[in-house]
N, C-alpha and C. Protein backbone atom coordinates (compact mmCIF):
# COMPACT_ATOMS: atom_id res chain seq x y z
N MET A 1 79.70 65.55 138.76
CA MET A 1 78.94 66.78 138.93
C MET A 1 79.88 67.97 138.85
N SER A 2 79.59 68.86 137.97
CA SER A 2 80.40 70.06 137.79
C SER A 2 80.18 71.03 138.96
N THR A 3 81.21 71.78 139.24
CA THR A 3 81.15 72.73 140.35
C THR A 3 81.03 74.15 139.84
N VAL A 4 80.83 75.05 140.78
CA VAL A 4 80.86 76.47 140.49
C VAL A 4 82.11 77.02 141.17
N THR A 5 83.05 77.50 140.38
CA THR A 5 84.25 78.09 140.97
C THR A 5 83.90 79.44 141.57
N ASP A 6 84.79 79.94 142.40
CA ASP A 6 84.60 81.28 142.95
C ASP A 6 84.49 82.31 141.83
N THR A 7 85.29 82.12 140.78
CA THR A 7 85.27 83.05 139.65
C THR A 7 83.90 83.07 139.00
N LEU A 8 83.34 81.90 138.71
CA LEU A 8 82.03 81.84 138.06
C LEU A 8 80.94 82.37 138.98
N ALA A 9 81.00 82.03 140.25
CA ALA A 9 79.99 82.51 141.20
C ALA A 9 79.99 84.04 141.25
N ARG A 10 81.16 84.65 141.29
CA ARG A 10 81.26 86.11 141.31
C ARG A 10 80.80 86.70 139.98
N TRP A 11 81.29 86.13 138.87
CA TRP A 11 81.01 86.64 137.53
C TRP A 11 79.51 86.60 137.21
N ASN A 12 78.83 85.59 137.72
CA ASN A 12 77.39 85.48 137.48
C ASN A 12 76.63 86.73 137.89
N PHE A 13 77.18 87.53 138.79
CA PHE A 13 76.42 88.64 139.35
C PHE A 13 77.06 90.02 139.20
N VAL A 14 78.12 90.14 138.39
CA VAL A 14 78.65 91.47 138.08
C VAL A 14 77.80 92.06 136.97
N SER A 15 77.98 93.34 136.69
CA SER A 15 77.19 93.98 135.63
C SER A 15 77.47 93.30 134.28
N ALA A 16 76.53 93.43 133.37
CA ALA A 16 76.68 92.82 132.05
C ALA A 16 77.92 93.36 131.33
N VAL A 17 78.17 94.66 131.45
CA VAL A 17 79.34 95.25 130.81
C VAL A 17 80.62 94.68 131.41
N ALA A 18 80.69 94.62 132.73
CA ALA A 18 81.87 94.06 133.39
C ALA A 18 82.05 92.59 133.03
N ALA A 19 80.96 91.85 132.98
CA ALA A 19 81.03 90.43 132.64
C ALA A 19 81.55 90.23 131.21
N SER A 20 81.06 91.03 130.27
CA SER A 20 81.52 90.94 128.88
C SER A 20 83.00 91.27 128.78
N ASN A 21 83.40 92.36 129.41
CA ASN A 21 84.81 92.77 129.37
C ASN A 21 85.72 91.72 129.99
N GLU A 22 85.24 91.06 131.03
CA GLU A 22 86.08 90.11 131.74
C GLU A 22 86.35 88.85 130.94
N ILE A 23 85.37 88.38 130.17
CA ILE A 23 85.60 87.14 129.42
C ILE A 23 86.01 87.37 127.97
N LEU A 24 85.99 88.60 127.51
CA LEU A 24 86.39 88.89 126.13
C LEU A 24 87.76 88.29 125.77
N PRO A 25 88.77 88.37 126.64
CA PRO A 25 90.07 87.80 126.27
C PRO A 25 90.05 86.30 126.00
N CYS A 26 89.03 85.62 126.46
CA CYS A 26 88.94 84.18 126.22
C CYS A 26 88.60 83.85 124.77
N CYS A 27 87.99 84.80 124.07
CA CYS A 27 87.49 84.54 122.72
C CYS A 27 87.89 85.61 121.71
N GLY A 28 87.70 86.87 122.04
CA GLY A 28 88.01 87.94 121.11
C GLY A 28 86.83 88.48 120.34
N SER A 29 85.65 87.91 120.52
CA SER A 29 84.44 88.39 119.84
C SER A 29 83.56 89.10 120.86
N TRP A 30 83.25 90.36 120.59
CA TRP A 30 82.37 91.12 121.48
C TRP A 30 80.98 90.51 121.52
N GLU A 31 80.46 90.07 120.39
CA GLU A 31 79.11 89.49 120.37
C GLU A 31 79.05 88.24 121.23
N TRP A 32 80.07 87.40 121.13
CA TRP A 32 80.13 86.20 121.97
C TRP A 32 80.15 86.58 123.45
N ALA A 33 81.00 87.54 123.82
CA ALA A 33 81.13 87.96 125.22
C ALA A 33 79.82 88.54 125.74
N LYS A 34 79.18 89.39 124.93
CA LYS A 34 77.91 89.99 125.36
C LYS A 34 76.80 88.95 125.50
N THR A 35 76.77 87.99 124.59
CA THR A 35 75.75 86.95 124.66
C THR A 35 75.99 86.04 125.85
N MET A 36 77.23 85.72 126.13
CA MET A 36 77.54 84.93 127.33
C MET A 36 77.06 85.67 128.58
N ALA A 37 77.36 86.95 128.67
CA ALA A 37 76.95 87.74 129.83
C ALA A 37 75.43 87.77 129.96
N ALA A 38 74.74 87.84 128.84
CA ALA A 38 73.27 87.90 128.86
C ALA A 38 72.64 86.58 129.31
N ARG A 39 73.35 85.49 129.17
CA ARG A 39 72.81 84.17 129.54
C ARG A 39 72.97 83.85 131.03
N ARG A 40 73.66 84.68 131.76
CA ARG A 40 73.89 84.40 133.18
C ARG A 40 72.59 84.41 133.95
N PRO A 41 72.56 83.76 135.12
CA PRO A 41 73.65 83.03 135.76
C PRO A 41 73.76 81.60 135.24
N PHE A 42 74.97 81.07 135.31
CA PHE A 42 75.23 79.68 134.92
C PHE A 42 75.28 78.83 136.18
N ALA A 43 74.63 77.69 136.13
CA ALA A 43 74.51 76.82 137.30
C ALA A 43 75.83 76.17 137.68
N ASN A 44 76.67 75.89 136.67
CA ASN A 44 77.95 75.24 136.94
C ASN A 44 78.87 75.39 135.74
N GLU A 45 80.09 74.89 135.88
CA GLU A 45 81.09 75.03 134.82
C GLU A 45 80.70 74.31 133.54
N ASP A 46 80.11 73.13 133.66
CA ASP A 46 79.73 72.39 132.45
C ASP A 46 78.71 73.16 131.63
N VAL A 47 77.70 73.72 132.28
CA VAL A 47 76.68 74.51 131.59
C VAL A 47 77.33 75.74 130.96
N PHE A 48 78.23 76.38 131.69
CA PHE A 48 78.96 77.56 131.22
C PHE A 48 79.75 77.22 129.95
N LEU A 49 80.53 76.15 129.99
CA LEU A 49 81.37 75.77 128.85
C LEU A 49 80.53 75.31 127.66
N ASP A 50 79.47 74.55 127.93
CA ASP A 50 78.59 74.12 126.83
C ASP A 50 77.89 75.33 126.19
N SER A 51 77.50 76.30 127.00
CA SER A 51 76.88 77.52 126.46
C SER A 51 77.87 78.30 125.61
N ALA A 52 79.12 78.35 126.06
CA ALA A 52 80.15 79.06 125.28
C ALA A 52 80.28 78.45 123.89
N ASP A 53 80.29 77.12 123.82
CA ASP A 53 80.37 76.44 122.52
C ASP A 53 79.13 76.72 121.68
N GLU A 54 77.96 76.62 122.29
CA GLU A 54 76.71 76.84 121.57
C GLU A 54 76.64 78.27 121.01
N ILE A 55 76.98 79.23 121.83
CA ILE A 55 76.96 80.63 121.38
C ILE A 55 77.97 80.83 120.26
N TRP A 56 79.16 80.27 120.41
CA TRP A 56 80.20 80.39 119.39
C TRP A 56 79.68 79.87 118.05
N ARG A 57 79.09 78.71 118.07
CA ARG A 57 78.62 78.10 116.82
C ARG A 57 77.49 78.88 116.17
N GLY A 58 76.77 79.69 116.95
CA GLY A 58 75.65 80.46 116.42
C GLY A 58 75.99 81.88 115.99
N LEU A 59 77.26 82.26 116.06
CA LEU A 59 77.65 83.63 115.70
C LEU A 59 77.65 83.83 114.19
N LEU A 60 77.67 85.09 113.81
CA LEU A 60 77.81 85.46 112.40
C LEU A 60 79.27 85.36 111.98
N GLU A 61 79.50 85.25 110.70
CA GLU A 61 80.86 85.18 110.17
C GLU A 61 81.70 86.37 110.62
N SER A 62 81.11 87.56 110.66
CA SER A 62 81.86 88.75 111.08
C SER A 62 82.34 88.64 112.53
N ASP A 63 81.55 87.98 113.39
CA ASP A 63 81.96 87.78 114.78
C ASP A 63 83.11 86.78 114.86
N TRP A 64 83.04 85.74 114.05
CA TRP A 64 84.13 84.77 114.01
C TRP A 64 85.42 85.44 113.52
N LEU A 65 85.29 86.27 112.49
CA LEU A 65 86.47 86.97 111.95
C LEU A 65 87.06 87.91 113.00
N GLU A 66 86.21 88.56 113.78
CA GLU A 66 86.71 89.43 114.85
C GLU A 66 87.55 88.62 115.84
N ALA A 67 87.05 87.45 116.23
CA ALA A 67 87.80 86.61 117.17
C ALA A 67 89.10 86.12 116.54
N LEU A 68 89.05 85.67 115.30
CA LEU A 68 90.26 85.19 114.63
C LEU A 68 91.30 86.30 114.53
N GLY A 69 90.84 87.52 114.32
CA GLY A 69 91.75 88.65 114.19
C GLY A 69 92.32 89.15 115.49
N SER A 70 91.88 88.59 116.61
CA SER A 70 92.37 89.06 117.91
C SER A 70 93.66 88.36 118.34
N HIS A 71 94.17 87.48 117.51
CA HIS A 71 95.37 86.70 117.84
C HIS A 71 96.61 87.26 117.15
N PRO A 72 97.75 87.06 117.79
CA PRO A 72 99.01 87.31 117.06
C PRO A 72 99.27 86.14 116.11
N ARG A 73 100.13 86.35 115.15
CA ARG A 73 100.54 85.25 114.29
C ARG A 73 101.27 84.21 115.14
N ILE A 74 101.22 82.96 114.69
CA ILE A 74 102.00 81.92 115.35
C ILE A 74 103.46 82.35 115.28
N GLY A 75 104.10 82.37 116.44
CA GLY A 75 105.50 82.76 116.53
C GLY A 75 105.71 84.23 116.83
N GLU A 76 104.64 85.02 116.91
CA GLU A 76 104.74 86.43 117.25
C GLU A 76 104.00 86.71 118.55
N SER A 77 104.28 87.86 119.15
CA SER A 77 103.62 88.27 120.39
C SER A 77 102.97 89.61 120.18
N ARG A 78 101.87 89.85 120.89
CA ARG A 78 101.21 91.15 120.85
C ARG A 78 101.16 91.79 122.22
N ILE A 79 101.86 91.27 123.20
CA ILE A 79 101.80 91.87 124.53
C ILE A 79 102.27 93.32 124.40
N GLY A 80 101.43 94.20 124.89
CA GLY A 80 101.77 95.62 124.89
C GLY A 80 101.47 96.35 123.60
N SER A 81 100.98 95.66 122.57
CA SER A 81 100.64 96.34 121.33
C SER A 81 99.14 96.26 121.09
N PRO A 82 98.57 97.27 120.44
CA PRO A 82 97.12 97.28 120.27
C PRO A 82 96.63 96.27 119.25
N ALA A 83 95.51 95.67 119.55
CA ALA A 83 94.84 94.81 118.58
C ALA A 83 94.22 95.70 117.51
N GLU A 84 94.08 95.17 116.31
CA GLU A 84 93.60 96.00 115.22
C GLU A 84 92.13 96.39 115.36
N SER A 85 91.28 95.46 115.77
CA SER A 85 89.85 95.73 115.72
C SER A 85 89.25 96.19 117.04
N HIS A 86 89.98 96.11 118.12
CA HIS A 86 89.45 96.56 119.39
C HIS A 86 90.61 96.85 120.34
N GLN A 87 90.27 97.27 121.54
CA GLN A 87 91.30 97.68 122.48
C GLN A 87 92.25 96.53 122.82
N VAL A 88 93.39 96.89 123.38
CA VAL A 88 94.38 95.90 123.79
C VAL A 88 93.76 94.96 124.82
N ILE A 89 94.01 93.70 124.65
CA ILE A 89 93.54 92.69 125.61
C ILE A 89 94.78 91.98 126.13
N PRO A 90 95.41 92.55 127.16
CA PRO A 90 96.67 91.98 127.65
C PRO A 90 96.56 90.51 128.05
N GLN A 91 95.47 90.10 128.67
CA GLN A 91 95.35 88.70 129.09
C GLN A 91 95.34 87.76 127.89
N SER A 92 94.67 88.15 126.83
CA SER A 92 94.65 87.34 125.62
C SER A 92 96.05 87.19 125.04
N ALA A 93 96.79 88.28 124.99
CA ALA A 93 98.16 88.23 124.47
C ALA A 93 99.05 87.35 125.35
N ALA A 94 98.88 87.45 126.65
CA ALA A 94 99.67 86.62 127.58
C ALA A 94 99.34 85.14 127.38
N TRP A 95 98.05 84.83 127.21
CA TRP A 95 97.67 83.44 126.96
C TRP A 95 98.25 82.95 125.64
N SER A 96 98.25 83.79 124.61
CA SER A 96 98.84 83.40 123.32
C SER A 96 100.31 83.05 123.49
N ASP A 97 101.03 83.87 124.23
CA ASP A 97 102.44 83.58 124.47
C ASP A 97 102.62 82.24 125.19
N GLU A 98 101.77 82.00 126.17
CA GLU A 98 101.83 80.74 126.92
C GLU A 98 101.50 79.55 126.01
N GLU A 99 100.48 79.71 125.18
CA GLU A 99 100.04 78.64 124.28
C GLU A 99 101.09 78.33 123.22
N GLN A 100 101.87 79.34 122.86
CA GLN A 100 102.89 79.16 121.83
C GLN A 100 104.29 78.97 122.41
N ARG A 101 104.36 78.62 123.67
CA ARG A 101 105.66 78.49 124.34
C ARG A 101 106.63 77.59 123.58
N LYS A 102 106.17 76.45 123.10
CA LYS A 102 107.06 75.53 122.40
C LYS A 102 107.59 76.15 121.10
N VAL A 103 106.78 76.98 120.47
CA VAL A 103 107.23 77.65 119.24
C VAL A 103 108.35 78.63 119.57
N SER A 104 108.21 79.34 120.68
CA SER A 104 109.24 80.32 121.05
C SER A 104 110.57 79.65 121.36
N LEU A 105 110.56 78.37 121.69
CA LEU A 105 111.78 77.63 122.01
C LEU A 105 112.36 76.91 120.80
N ALA A 106 111.68 77.00 119.67
CA ALA A 106 112.10 76.27 118.47
C ALA A 106 113.37 76.85 117.86
N GLU A 107 113.99 76.05 117.03
CA GLU A 107 115.17 76.49 116.27
C GLU A 107 114.77 77.62 115.32
N ASP A 108 115.74 78.45 114.98
CA ASP A 108 115.48 79.57 114.07
C ASP A 108 114.93 79.10 112.73
N SER A 109 115.38 77.94 112.24
CA SER A 109 114.90 77.44 110.95
C SER A 109 113.40 77.13 111.02
N ALA A 110 112.93 76.59 112.14
CA ALA A 110 111.51 76.30 112.30
C ALA A 110 110.71 77.60 112.38
N LYS A 111 111.25 78.58 113.10
CA LYS A 111 110.56 79.87 113.20
C LYS A 111 110.46 80.54 111.83
N LEU A 112 111.52 80.46 111.06
CA LEU A 112 111.52 81.03 109.71
C LEU A 112 110.50 80.31 108.83
N ALA A 113 110.44 78.98 108.91
CA ALA A 113 109.48 78.22 108.12
C ALA A 113 108.04 78.59 108.51
N LEU A 114 107.80 78.80 109.82
CA LEU A 114 106.47 79.22 110.26
C LEU A 114 106.14 80.62 109.73
N ALA A 115 107.10 81.52 109.77
CA ALA A 115 106.87 82.88 109.26
C ALA A 115 106.53 82.83 107.76
N GLU A 116 107.25 82.02 107.02
CA GLU A 116 106.97 81.87 105.59
C GLU A 116 105.61 81.23 105.37
N GLY A 117 105.29 80.22 106.16
CA GLY A 117 103.98 79.57 106.06
C GLY A 117 102.86 80.53 106.41
N ASN A 118 103.06 81.34 107.46
CA ASN A 118 102.07 82.35 107.83
C ASN A 118 101.80 83.28 106.65
N GLN A 119 102.86 83.72 105.99
CA GLN A 119 102.72 84.63 104.85
C GLN A 119 101.94 83.99 103.71
N LYS A 120 102.25 82.74 103.40
CA LYS A 120 101.52 82.02 102.35
C LYS A 120 100.04 81.89 102.71
N TYR A 121 99.79 81.57 103.97
CA TYR A 121 98.41 81.41 104.44
C TYR A 121 97.65 82.73 104.30
N GLU A 122 98.26 83.82 104.76
CA GLU A 122 97.60 85.13 104.69
C GLU A 122 97.35 85.55 103.25
N THR A 123 98.27 85.25 102.37
CA THR A 123 98.08 85.58 100.96
C THR A 123 96.92 84.77 100.38
N ARG A 124 96.86 83.52 100.73
CA ARG A 124 95.81 82.64 100.19
C ARG A 124 94.44 82.91 100.81
N PHE A 125 94.38 83.06 102.15
CA PHE A 125 93.08 83.13 102.83
C PHE A 125 92.71 84.51 103.36
N LYS A 126 93.60 85.47 103.25
CA LYS A 126 93.33 86.88 103.65
C LYS A 126 93.04 87.04 105.14
N ARG A 127 93.62 86.19 105.97
CA ARG A 127 93.56 86.29 107.43
C ARG A 127 94.71 85.48 107.99
N ILE A 128 94.97 85.67 109.30
CA ILE A 128 96.08 84.93 109.88
C ILE A 128 95.69 83.48 110.14
N PHE A 129 96.69 82.64 110.19
CA PHE A 129 96.54 81.22 110.49
C PHE A 129 96.25 81.05 111.97
N ILE A 130 95.17 80.35 112.30
CA ILE A 130 94.78 80.08 113.68
C ILE A 130 94.83 78.58 113.90
N VAL A 131 95.52 78.20 114.98
CA VAL A 131 95.56 76.80 115.38
C VAL A 131 95.61 76.77 116.90
N CYS A 132 94.98 75.78 117.49
CA CYS A 132 95.08 75.60 118.94
C CYS A 132 96.48 75.06 119.20
N ALA A 133 97.38 75.95 119.57
CA ALA A 133 98.81 75.64 119.67
C ALA A 133 99.22 75.02 120.99
N SER A 134 98.34 74.99 121.96
CA SER A 134 98.69 74.48 123.29
C SER A 134 99.30 73.09 123.21
N GLY A 135 100.53 72.99 123.71
CA GLY A 135 101.22 71.71 123.76
C GLY A 135 101.83 71.25 122.46
N LYS A 136 101.69 72.00 121.39
CA LYS A 136 102.21 71.57 120.09
C LYS A 136 103.59 72.17 119.84
N SER A 137 104.45 71.38 119.24
CA SER A 137 105.78 71.86 118.86
C SER A 137 105.67 72.70 117.60
N ALA A 138 106.73 73.42 117.31
CA ALA A 138 106.77 74.23 116.08
C ALA A 138 106.59 73.32 114.87
N GLN A 139 107.21 72.14 114.87
CA GLN A 139 107.09 71.23 113.73
C GLN A 139 105.67 70.72 113.57
N GLU A 140 105.01 70.39 114.67
CA GLU A 140 103.61 69.96 114.59
C GLU A 140 102.73 71.06 114.00
N ILE A 141 102.94 72.28 114.44
CA ILE A 141 102.16 73.41 113.93
C ILE A 141 102.46 73.64 112.45
N LEU A 142 103.73 73.54 112.08
CA LEU A 142 104.11 73.71 110.69
C LEU A 142 103.46 72.64 109.81
N ASP A 143 103.42 71.41 110.29
CA ASP A 143 102.77 70.33 109.53
C ASP A 143 101.28 70.62 109.35
N ILE A 144 100.62 71.11 110.41
CA ILE A 144 99.20 71.47 110.33
C ILE A 144 99.00 72.62 109.35
N LEU A 145 99.85 73.62 109.42
CA LEU A 145 99.78 74.77 108.53
C LEU A 145 99.91 74.33 107.07
N ARG A 146 100.88 73.50 106.79
CA ARG A 146 101.08 73.03 105.41
C ARG A 146 99.88 72.23 104.91
N ARG A 147 99.32 71.39 105.77
CA ARG A 147 98.13 70.62 105.38
C ARG A 147 96.96 71.56 105.10
N ARG A 148 96.76 72.54 105.98
CA ARG A 148 95.61 73.43 105.83
C ARG A 148 95.76 74.38 104.65
N LEU A 149 96.96 74.65 104.21
CA LEU A 149 97.14 75.47 103.01
C LEU A 149 96.52 74.80 101.78
N GLU A 150 96.31 73.49 101.85
CA GLU A 150 95.72 72.74 100.74
C GLU A 150 94.19 72.76 100.77
N ASN A 151 93.59 73.23 101.87
CA ASN A 151 92.13 73.28 101.99
C ASN A 151 91.54 74.29 101.02
N ASP A 152 90.28 74.03 100.61
CA ASP A 152 89.59 75.08 99.87
C ASP A 152 89.16 76.14 100.90
N PRO A 153 88.89 77.37 100.48
CA PRO A 153 88.65 78.47 101.42
C PRO A 153 87.52 78.21 102.43
N GLN A 154 86.41 77.62 102.02
CA GLN A 154 85.30 77.39 102.95
C GLN A 154 85.65 76.33 103.98
N VAL A 155 86.28 75.25 103.55
CA VAL A 155 86.71 74.21 104.48
C VAL A 155 87.71 74.79 105.46
N GLU A 156 88.62 75.59 104.96
CA GLU A 156 89.63 76.18 105.83
C GLU A 156 89.02 77.14 106.83
N PHE A 157 88.04 77.93 106.40
CA PHE A 157 87.40 78.86 107.32
C PHE A 157 86.74 78.08 108.46
N GLN A 158 86.04 77.01 108.13
CA GLN A 158 85.38 76.21 109.17
C GLN A 158 86.41 75.57 110.10
N GLU A 159 87.54 75.16 109.57
CA GLU A 159 88.60 74.59 110.42
C GLU A 159 89.16 75.66 111.36
N ALA A 160 89.36 76.86 110.85
CA ALA A 160 89.85 77.96 111.69
C ALA A 160 88.84 78.29 112.80
N VAL A 161 87.56 78.30 112.46
CA VAL A 161 86.51 78.58 113.44
C VAL A 161 86.52 77.51 114.54
N GLU A 162 86.70 76.27 114.17
CA GLU A 162 86.75 75.19 115.16
C GLU A 162 88.00 75.30 116.03
N GLU A 163 89.12 75.67 115.44
CA GLU A 163 90.34 75.86 116.24
C GLU A 163 90.14 76.99 117.25
N GLN A 164 89.46 78.06 116.83
CA GLN A 164 89.18 79.16 117.76
C GLN A 164 88.27 78.69 118.89
N ARG A 165 87.31 77.84 118.59
CA ARG A 165 86.43 77.31 119.64
C ARG A 165 87.25 76.53 120.67
N LYS A 166 88.20 75.73 120.20
CA LYS A 166 89.07 74.97 121.11
C LYS A 166 89.90 75.91 121.98
N ILE A 167 90.46 76.95 121.37
CA ILE A 167 91.26 77.93 122.11
C ILE A 167 90.40 78.60 123.18
N THR A 168 89.20 79.00 122.79
CA THR A 168 88.29 79.66 123.73
C THR A 168 87.99 78.75 124.91
N ARG A 169 87.73 77.51 124.65
CA ARG A 169 87.40 76.56 125.74
C ARG A 169 88.58 76.41 126.71
N ILE A 170 89.79 76.29 126.19
CA ILE A 170 90.98 76.19 127.04
C ILE A 170 91.13 77.45 127.89
N ARG A 171 90.94 78.60 127.25
CA ARG A 171 91.09 79.86 127.98
C ARG A 171 90.00 80.05 129.03
N LEU A 172 88.80 79.62 128.72
CA LEU A 172 87.72 79.71 129.71
C LEU A 172 88.05 78.87 130.95
N LYS A 173 88.60 77.70 130.74
CA LYS A 173 88.99 76.85 131.88
C LYS A 173 90.07 77.53 132.71
N LYS A 174 91.03 78.17 132.05
CA LYS A 174 92.07 78.91 132.78
C LYS A 174 91.44 80.07 133.56
N TRP A 175 90.54 80.79 132.90
CA TRP A 175 89.88 81.93 133.54
C TRP A 175 89.07 81.47 134.75
N LEU A 176 88.39 80.35 134.63
CA LEU A 176 87.59 79.84 135.74
C LEU A 176 88.45 79.51 136.96
N ARG A 177 89.69 79.07 136.73
CA ARG A 177 90.59 78.77 137.85
C ARG A 177 91.07 80.02 138.54
N GLY A 178 90.98 81.16 137.84
CA GLY A 178 91.42 82.42 138.43
C GLY A 178 92.92 82.60 138.36
N PRO A 179 93.41 83.72 138.84
CA PRO A 179 94.85 83.99 138.81
C PRO A 179 95.64 82.90 139.53
N GLN A 180 96.72 82.49 138.91
CA GLN A 180 97.56 81.45 139.51
C GLN A 180 98.70 82.03 140.30
């Protein structure tokens, strides 16, 4: 049986604007955040997380692109710098740094290979490479990047959207636990 954390219990009853702003860093899409806020209250964490996935899958391509664009490149940080499409989301940037911790510890040659791979990806697909990096080494990410460079554009877009869904779910779980 899923529980209701203190965070979820409180969030269920804040204003819609406050609720949207609070969970935006988990995903990066305003439409997703607003729709999540509109669905409140959530009975428990499982319903909350399942709703997040359902809403994500029902968004428009432009909403997915907004979320994908809210990330720094693999191997880069955005803490303290403005996001291109919306205001700075410090929590999102901090989570990205945490998720990419293993990449930051990688050898310079691996970081250079990732930077080159990022550039190839952006040239080919006209957006940054998104992968759920949590727990992955720089080499694992580089292998995934190289494999995905071979995808056709539609297959790759769907893979990026699914990776964003995984990232969002991990971040929502962190958010539900509250400040550590």
